[in-house]
């Protein structure tokens, strides 16, 4: 996990504290949420549960709540705590903490005889910085993907390393045919790559851009279409094609990577302007 300053944590909390993150498969993968270790604790006992969503001010969970748990929640005046466990990096120690909360809503879920309930929890205090950072990274990346989607990152040796790319080389698969390419620039909304061949016949064709990352052997795949092309001066056998990604299919991992890079670049620019 990134090591954020107190100011950064405070800014994330102020900006996103009420926004919920739904724990779908992609979010679970990117946060390292340990789904089998999520617990609701009440009056000294703990029950396994499923986090449906969480913000920095509350959470919604699914739980098998038999009479004993319902009784304890009433006896505690609705005061509980939610146990989180994350493992963002397998090479590091897991992140574990409890957040004090109040049960603000409790309703049956599914068949009555199954005793499943949907609980709405409101945190009674600001959560640990770890939760603010984990959720804040996702929420900031999502916001940047919308607000800065056309901002382009020119790929050179420095930006390649900062983005965690193994190389400026990639594969662009168009109509099922993989082609080696060189990445010229990247953005949330698309990319420009240099390929060999006649590009004019590729306009509006579906494409997959496969980026190779330092930390994994699995490529990061971005789907979209060929938007336009331009010739490479002095190289008739080459063309630069612009890819437009399908916005709803852009992986969260890619958004986080670009968001982190842009945030670091902005911080350096601000430090330079203040003479620090």
Protein backbone atom coordinates (compact mmCIF):
# COMPACT_ATOMS: atom_id res chain seq x y z
CA UNK A 1 0.00 0.00 0.00
CA UNK A 2 1.05 3.56 -0.60
CA UNK A 3 2.21 5.53 2.42
CA UNK A 4 0.03 8.64 2.44
CA UNK A 5 0.69 11.78 4.44
CA UNK A 6 -1.75 12.92 7.11
CA UNK A 7 -2.82 15.76 4.83
CA UNK A 8 -3.54 13.34 1.97
CA UNK A 9 -5.58 11.08 4.27
CA UNK A 10 -7.55 14.10 5.55
CA UNK A 11 -8.21 15.27 1.99
CA UNK A 12 -9.47 11.82 0.96
CA UNK A 13 -11.76 11.68 3.98
CA UNK A 14 -13.15 15.15 3.36
CA UNK A 15 -13.73 14.46 -0.35
CA UNK A 16 -15.15 10.95 -0.30
CA UNK A 17 -16.35 10.02 3.21
CA UNK A 18 -20.00 9.57 2.18
CA UNK A 19 -19.43 7.70 -1.10
CA UNK A 20 -20.02 3.95 -1.00
CA UNK A 21 -17.76 1.39 -2.65
CA UNK A 22 -19.55 -1.80 -3.66
CA UNK A 23 -17.41 -4.87 -3.10
CA UNK A 24 -17.77 -6.64 -6.41
CA UNK A 25 -15.16 -9.10 -7.68
CA UNK A 26 -12.92 -6.43 -9.20
CA UNK A 27 -12.92 -4.27 -6.06
CA UNK A 28 -12.20 -7.29 -3.86
CA UNK A 29 -9.23 -8.17 -6.07
CA UNK A 30 -7.81 -4.64 -6.09
CA UNK A 31 -8.22 -4.03 -2.35
CA UNK A 32 -7.19 -7.50 -1.24
CA UNK A 33 -10.31 -7.81 0.94
CA UNK A 34 -10.18 -11.14 2.80
CA UNK A 35 -13.82 -12.11 2.49
CA UNK A 36 -13.61 -15.07 4.88
CA UNK A 37 -12.32 -12.91 7.71
CA UNK A 38 -15.02 -10.23 7.86
CA UNK A 39 -16.81 -10.32 11.22
CA UNK A 40 -19.53 -8.46 13.06
CA UNK A 41 -18.79 -8.23 16.77
CA UNK A 42 -21.37 -7.54 19.46
CA UNK A 43 -21.04 -7.92 23.25
CA UNK A 44 -17.92 -10.05 23.06
CA UNK A 45 -19.08 -12.45 20.33
CA UNK A 46 -18.30 -12.35 16.61
CA UNK A 47 -20.27 -13.59 13.59
CA UNK A 48 -18.99 -13.99 10.01
CA UNK A 49 -20.65 -11.69 7.50
CA UNK A 50 -20.34 -10.42 3.93
CA UNK A 51 -19.57 -6.80 3.19
CA UNK A 52 -21.86 -5.61 0.42
CA UNK A 53 -20.52 -2.05 0.42
CA UNK A 54 -18.55 0.35 2.57
CA UNK A 55 -17.88 4.04 2.76
CA UNK A 56 -15.72 5.94 5.24
CA UNK A 57 -18.82 6.62 7.33
CA UNK A 58 -20.67 3.30 7.25
CA UNK A 59 -21.16 -0.11 5.69
CA UNK A 60 -23.84 -2.50 4.48
CA UNK A 61 -23.46 -6.18 5.29
CA UNK A 62 -25.24 -9.49 4.78
CA UNK A 63 -25.33 -11.79 7.79
CA UNK A 64 -27.01 -14.96 8.99
CA UNK A 65 -28.60 -13.43 12.08
CA UNK A 66 -30.28 -15.97 14.31
CA UNK A 67 -32.26 -14.96 17.39
CA UNK A 68 -29.18 -14.81 19.62
CA UNK A 69 -27.50 -12.14 17.50
CA UNK A 70 -30.67 -10.07 17.14
CA UNK A 71 -31.09 -10.21 20.90
CA UNK A 72 -27.50 -9.10 21.49
CA UNK A 73 -27.84 -6.18 19.06
CA UNK A 74 -30.93 -4.99 20.96
CA UNK A 75 -29.21 -5.50 24.32
CA UNK A 76 -26.18 -3.46 23.17
CA UNK A 77 -28.45 -0.58 22.12
CA UNK A 78 -27.48 -1.35 18.48
CA UNK A 79 -23.76 -0.83 19.14
CA UNK A 80 -21.47 -3.24 17.26
CA UNK A 81 -18.07 -3.27 15.57
CA UNK A 82 -17.09 -4.46 12.11
CA UNK A 83 -13.86 -6.39 11.62
CA UNK A 84 -12.03 -5.73 8.33
CA UNK A 85 -9.08 -7.64 6.91
CA UNK A 86 -7.20 -6.69 3.75
CA UNK A 87 -4.15 -8.16 2.05
CA UNK A 88 -3.31 -5.68 -0.77
CA UNK A 89 0.17 -7.15 -1.19
CA UNK A 90 0.83 -10.87 -0.57
CA UNK A 91 4.43 -10.02 0.42
CA UNK A 92 3.31 -7.76 3.29
CA UNK A 93 1.46 -8.22 6.55
CA UNK A 94 -2.35 -8.13 6.36
CA UNK A 95 -4.17 -4.96 7.41
CA UNK A 96 -6.62 -5.75 10.23
CA UNK A 97 -8.84 -3.42 12.26
CA UNK A 98 -12.24 -2.99 13.88
CA UNK A 99 -14.55 -0.04 13.29
CA UNK A 100 -17.12 0.89 15.95
CA UNK A 101 -20.61 1.25 14.49
CA UNK A 102 -24.32 1.47 15.23
CA UNK A 103 -26.94 -0.68 13.50
CA UNK A 104 -29.06 1.89 11.68
CA UNK A 105 -31.21 -0.61 9.78
CA UNK A 106 -31.97 -4.33 9.82
CA UNK A 107 -34.18 -6.07 7.29
CA UNK A 108 -34.74 -9.71 6.21
CA UNK A 109 -32.96 -10.85 3.05
CA UNK A 110 -34.20 -13.74 0.94
CA UNK A 111 -36.27 -16.59 2.36
CA UNK A 112 -37.45 -16.01 5.94
CA UNK A 113 -36.42 -19.47 7.17
CA UNK A 114 -32.80 -18.85 6.14
CA UNK A 115 -32.40 -16.10 8.78
CA UNK A 116 -30.38 -13.86 6.46
CA UNK A 117 -30.46 -10.15 7.18
CA UNK A 118 -29.23 -7.00 5.48
CA UNK A 119 -27.71 -4.61 8.04
CA UNK A 120 -26.96 -0.95 7.52
CA UNK A 121 -24.18 0.24 9.82
CA UNK A 122 -23.22 3.82 10.65
CA UNK A 123 -19.73 4.33 12.04
CA UNK A 124 -19.72 6.06 15.41
CA UNK A 125 -16.28 7.60 14.82
CA UNK A 126 -13.87 8.30 12.01
CA UNK A 127 -12.48 4.95 10.76
CA UNK A 128 -8.78 4.05 10.82
CA UNK A 129 -6.54 5.72 8.24
CA UNK A 130 -6.06 2.32 6.57
CA UNK A 131 -9.71 2.17 5.53
CA UNK A 132 -9.67 5.80 4.35
CA UNK A 133 -6.59 5.06 2.24
CA UNK A 134 -7.92 1.79 0.76
CA UNK A 135 -11.30 3.23 -0.20
CA UNK A 136 -9.84 6.63 -1.08
CA UNK A 137 -7.48 5.15 -3.68
CA UNK A 138 -10.45 3.57 -5.48
CA UNK A 139 -12.68 6.62 -5.24
CA UNK A 140 -9.97 9.05 -6.31
CA UNK A 141 -9.07 6.83 -9.28
CA UNK A 142 -12.74 6.69 -10.33
CA UNK A 143 -13.05 10.48 -10.03
CA UNK A 144 -9.84 11.10 -11.99
CA UNK A 145 -10.96 8.68 -14.71
CA UNK A 146 -13.93 10.99 -15.31
CA UNK A 147 -12.42 14.41 -14.63
CA UNK A 148 -9.02 13.85 -16.28
CA UNK A 149 -9.91 11.22 -18.85
CA UNK A 150 -8.28 13.04 -21.79
CA UNK A 151 -5.04 13.91 -19.98
CA UNK A 152 -2.29 12.07 -21.81
CA UNK A 153 0.87 10.58 -20.36
CA UNK A 154 3.74 10.49 -22.86
CA UNK A 155 5.55 7.17 -22.44
CA UNK A 156 9.30 7.52 -22.06
CA UNK A 157 11.81 5.68 -19.88
CA UNK A 158 10.85 7.65 -16.76
CA UNK A 159 7.08 7.37 -17.13
CA UNK A 160 7.39 3.71 -18.09
CA UNK A 161 9.12 2.99 -14.76
CA UNK A 162 6.71 5.16 -12.77
CA UNK A 163 3.72 3.35 -14.24
CA UNK A 164 5.27 -0.05 -13.55
CA UNK A 165 5.46 -1.09 -17.19
CA UNK A 166 8.06 -3.67 -18.16
CA UNK A 167 8.56 -2.04 -21.52
CA UNK A 168 7.17 0.48 -23.96
CA UNK A 169 6.43 -2.53 -26.15
CA UNK A 170 2.95 -4.06 -26.01
CA UNK A 171 0.52 -6.08 -28.09
CA UNK A 172 -2.46 -4.63 -29.90
CA UNK A 173 -4.93 -7.30 -30.95
CA UNK A 174 -7.23 -6.10 -33.75
CA UNK A 175 -9.97 -8.38 -35.06
CA UNK A 176 -8.28 -11.27 -33.29
CA UNK A 177 -4.87 -10.65 -34.89
CA UNK A 178 -2.12 -9.75 -32.36
CA UNK A 179 0.36 -7.10 -33.49
CA UNK A 180 3.47 -5.89 -31.70
CA UNK A 181 3.34 -2.18 -30.99
CA UNK A 182 5.12 0.64 -29.19
CA UNK A 183 3.14 2.71 -26.70
CA UNK A 184 3.38 6.41 -27.45
CA UNK A 185 0.96 7.70 -24.81
CA UNK A 186 -1.73 6.55 -22.40
CA UNK A 187 -4.81 8.13 -20.85
CA UNK A 188 -7.88 6.96 -18.97
CA UNK A 189 -9.87 7.11 -22.19
CA UNK A 190 -7.44 5.68 -24.71
CA UNK A 191 -3.93 5.25 -26.04
CA UNK A 192 -1.77 5.96 -29.03
CA UNK A 193 0.46 3.17 -30.28
CA UNK A 194 2.79 2.70 -33.23
CA UNK A 195 2.27 -0.44 -35.31
CA UNK A 196 3.59 -1.85 -38.56
CA UNK A 197 1.25 -2.10 -41.53
CA UNK A 198 -1.49 -0.25 -43.35
CA UNK A 199 -3.63 1.33 -40.65
CA UNK A 200 -6.41 2.87 -42.74
CA UNK A 201 -8.19 -0.49 -42.94
CA UNK A 202 -8.26 -0.75 -39.15
CA UNK A 203 -10.46 2.29 -38.42
CA UNK A 204 -13.51 1.46 -36.23
CA UNK A 205 -12.28 -2.09 -35.67
CA UNK A 206 -12.44 -3.63 -32.19
CA UNK A 207 -9.09 -3.80 -30.43
CA UNK A 208 -7.42 -5.10 -27.27
CA UNK A 209 -4.30 -3.41 -25.93
CA UNK A 210 -2.19 -5.70 -23.74
CA UNK A 211 0.26 -3.97 -21.39
CA UNK A 212 2.97 -5.90 -19.56
CA UNK A 213 3.56 -5.00 -15.92
CA UNK A 214 6.61 -5.34 -13.68
CA UNK A 215 4.84 -7.14 -10.84
CA UNK A 216 2.92 -9.82 -12.73
CA UNK A 217 3.17 -12.11 -15.73
CA UNK A 218 -0.49 -11.50 -16.60
CA UNK A 219 -1.00 -8.67 -19.11
CA UNK A 220 -3.31 -5.77 -18.31
CA UNK A 221 -5.93 -5.86 -21.06
CA UNK A 222 -7.79 -2.76 -22.26
CA UNK A 223 -10.59 -3.15 -24.78
CA UNK A 224 -11.75 -0.52 -27.23
CA UNK A 225 -11.69 0.37 -30.89
CA UNK A 226 -9.37 2.04 -33.42
CA UNK A 227 -10.45 5.67 -33.64
CA UNK A 228 -8.02 7.13 -36.18
CA UNK A 229 -4.48 6.88 -37.51
CA UNK A 230 -1.67 9.08 -38.72
CA UNK A 231 1.49 8.34 -40.64
CA UNK A 232 4.86 8.24 -38.96
CA UNK A 233 7.08 10.77 -40.69
CA UNK A 234 9.84 9.12 -42.67
CA UNK A 235 8.57 5.59 -41.94
CA UNK A 236 5.99 4.50 -44.51
CA UNK A 237 5.80 1.01 -43.05
CA UNK A 238 4.66 2.37 -39.67
CA UNK A 239 1.51 4.11 -38.47
CA UNK A 240 0.37 5.67 -35.20
CA UNK A 241 -3.14 4.59 -34.30
CA UNK A 242 -5.38 6.13 -31.64
CA UNK A 243 -7.38 3.70 -29.54
CA UNK A 244 -10.51 4.69 -27.66
CA UNK A 245 -11.22 2.43 -24.70
CA UNK A 246 -14.70 1.20 -23.86
CA UNK A 247 -15.20 3.32 -20.74
CA UNK A 248 -17.29 0.81 -18.82
CA UNK A 249 -14.67 -1.92 -19.37
CA UNK A 250 -11.54 -0.05 -18.23
CA UNK A 251 -10.05 -2.14 -15.38
CA UNK A 252 -9.86 -0.55 -11.93
CA UNK A 253 -6.21 -1.59 -11.76
CA UNK A 254 -5.47 0.63 -14.77
CA UNK A 255 -7.40 3.58 -13.31
CA UNK A 256 -5.51 3.28 -10.01
CA UNK A 257 -2.17 3.11 -11.81
CA UNK A 258 -2.79 6.27 -13.85
CA UNK A 259 -4.39 8.11 -10.93
CA UNK A 260 -1.39 7.40 -8.71
CA UNK A 261 1.01 8.60 -11.40
CA UNK A 262 -0.93 11.83 -12.00
CA UNK A 263 -1.19 12.48 -8.26
CA UNK A 264 2.57 12.04 -7.81
CA UNK A 265 3.27 14.33 -10.77
CA UNK A 266 0.95 17.01 -9.37
CA UNK A 267 2.64 16.81 -5.95
CA UNK A 268 6.08 17.27 -7.54
CA UNK A 269 4.84 20.26 -9.52
CA UNK A 270 3.39 21.86 -6.40
CA UNK A 271 6.60 21.25 -4.46
CA UNK A 272 8.64 22.82 -7.28
CA UNK A 273 6.38 25.88 -7.43
CA UNK A 274 6.74 26.48 -3.69
CA UNK A 275 10.50 25.98 -3.80
CA UNK A 276 10.50 22.96 -1.52
